Amino acid sequence: MRLYSGTTDQFLLDTTMNQIADKLKISFFNYFGYNPGESEVKSWQNSLRAMSQVIDYSNLHDHGVILEYQLPMTSKRLDCLICGRDSQNRDNAVIIELKQWDKTAESDGDNEIRTWIGGKLRDILHPSVQVGQYRMYLRDYHSAFYDSVNPVMLSACAYLHNYAFDANDAIMADKFREAMTKNPLFTKDEVVRLKDFLKKSLDMGAGVDVLKRIENSKFRPSKQLMEHVAGVIQGNPEYTLLDEQLVVYDGVLTAAREGFSNGRKTVIIVRGGPGTGKSVIAINLMADLSRMNYNTQYATGSRAFTSTLREVLGKRTVTQLKFFNDYLKAQEENEVDVLIADESHRLWHKDISRWTPKQYRSDKPVIEHMIKAAKVLVFFVDDRQIIRPKEVGSTEYIQEYAVKNECNVQIYNLETQFRCKGSDAFVKWTDNTLGIERTANVMWTGEEQFDFRIMDSPEEVEQAIREKIAQGKKGRMVAGFCWPWSDPREDGTLEEDVVIDGYRRPWNAKPGKKKLAGGIPVSNLWASDAGGINQVGCVYTAQGFEFDYVGVIFGKDLTYNLDTQTWEGHPENSFEAPQNKPKDRFTDFVKNTYRILFSRGIEGCFVYFADKDTERFFKTRIMKKE
């Protein structure tokens, strides 16, 4: 997706006629279904006018230009990409990151400087680091740039068109020397240098053909999280951390190096919705900090997720991969250098798990034990993935106990979408449609990037998922908790509990020691074992995982009333334990449940609605294609 594509001469004309920002605004609305913010429109006006002057001065009149180009599989957009050929007639493209900054300050992070953003002084990636990550990401995921025969050569730079050069400025610090060598930074008084840089790659023009090649090339499929984990531990990361992800990563490394700041522990809270890369950052941190000889532990509240990690990584990682309630056991103060708590929204206030031996149970909150155990704690949390009353790990809760224990507190927010084919619009549309949060995404426009379909039967959904699996994709069936969950039969087979007319399927196996029949994975491995497609997963086994395609059975525990135009929760249609469906919070919990299930897919989500009024409502929120 891009908001603008054409020749450099057309771009110069649109800028001269003061039409460029309006054209981008129209494209933005047509694609996303709502208008961009006023600040973004002003940035287009200011930065693109400055960029047009550079293009004209550099005599780049036979070239292609793409503006606001979305990185594949993410919601991030490049500011500007100019295409052409170099003196050896090789296809080239140059990424240009545009900044309106006029001053910065030092930051402790390895890759960050501090500047005013959104009315606050924040740690932001150095522009050369940022655009370098974009360059690396395109080389990894866009076939035009990694074609082994004749790839498009790709370079990158940053242009700070309001910034006066100062060799002693924080943005010119020695720690950025390598990044600026690979991806140069140009200030407002270095236009001649910028021209020379652009001409080196684009001198021969003929950029329209290169532009078409880039736009017509395919993206490499995203790596599955679990496939990535082993590579990370072996020192071969397959994900490129972008923007705020790298800021979070550097913030944790800085905190780890400092250990105690002013004699106090540090608690870092990282907030992000589904698919924003929380677990990717967490796993990269665990691997890299361990290689740096920090005593690093990774904990979750999900037996399925942690068990799958242990299966993928092998027995040697058991000492590093923990559950939250493991910290109830006797621990030395500050025994752990860095404790990474993933899926922290699943944190319980006090341990009431049947998995915890009685001698380890405590009257103190679990988070108190975790804070005692570590010098630096990193909590990855999504406040809208809390689905049971005993789950208390919200940002507010974690911050309260961090302050109570006199910890330094840092909070980061993740926005970039990596799941749902990078469609931030799909996640926000889901939130809006389910009444979880009012967003600008009222209508689903049917973006080509993400395959969302409503189907007439669960059989049709499952058939579509199986067809994707036959093509080499990974897929699973999931459902709301609207049917009983039986124990395995004596012969180890599973009862077909999920029954909708002629459709009959078992839930994934219950946790337990009972031997299962061949081909049936234990519950903790349902998401990773190929046999998992033969069972329907519930939210507790699906949460934290991702698949290429997910098939969702939307049950009658949540329905939309067309007469009153309200969502209604139906505890009577739910087989949750009574303590998990309080009258005052049940509707919110089940909304969060379907939000989680909808967002498990990287490339697509297929849905069957048991309640037809709910289906009709969803269809009114989908823009019909002409």
Foldseek 3Di string as FASTA:
>chain_A
DFQDKDFLVVLLVCLVVVNPLVSSQVSCCLAQVFGDDPVVSVCCNPQSNLVNVLCVVLVQGQKMKTAQCAQWLKQHTFGMKIWAAAPVRATAIEGEHEDQDAAWAPDLFLFWIWDDDPNDTDTWGQVLVQFVLVQVSCCQWWCQQVVPPGHHHYAYEYEHQNYDDDCPGNSNDPSCVVSCVRHNYHYNVRSVVVSVVVCRGHVHRNHVVSSVVRVPTGTDDDDFPLVQLQCLLVVRGSDRQHILLVVVLRVVVSLLVVLADVNFFEEEEEEEDFQLCLVVSLSNSQNVVVVVVFQEAEEEQALLVLVSNCVSHDDVCPVRYYYLLVLLPDAAFAQGAEYEYEALLQAFQFDPDPVDDPVSGDPHGSVVSVNRHHRYYYYYYYPLLNQFPRRDRDPVVNVVVCVVRVHHYHYGYGQMGNFQRNPSSVLQCLCCLLVNDDDSNQAAACDPQAAEAEDADLVVLLVVQVVVVVVVWWEAEAEEQQWDADAADLAQHFAQTDDDPPDTAHAQHDDDDRDHDPLRDHLSCLRPRPSVRRHYYYLSSLFPGATQEYEYEYEDQWAADPVVRDIDGDVVRHPDDPNGQDPVCNSSSVSSRVSRRQRRHRHYYYYYYPDVRRVVSNVVRYDDDD
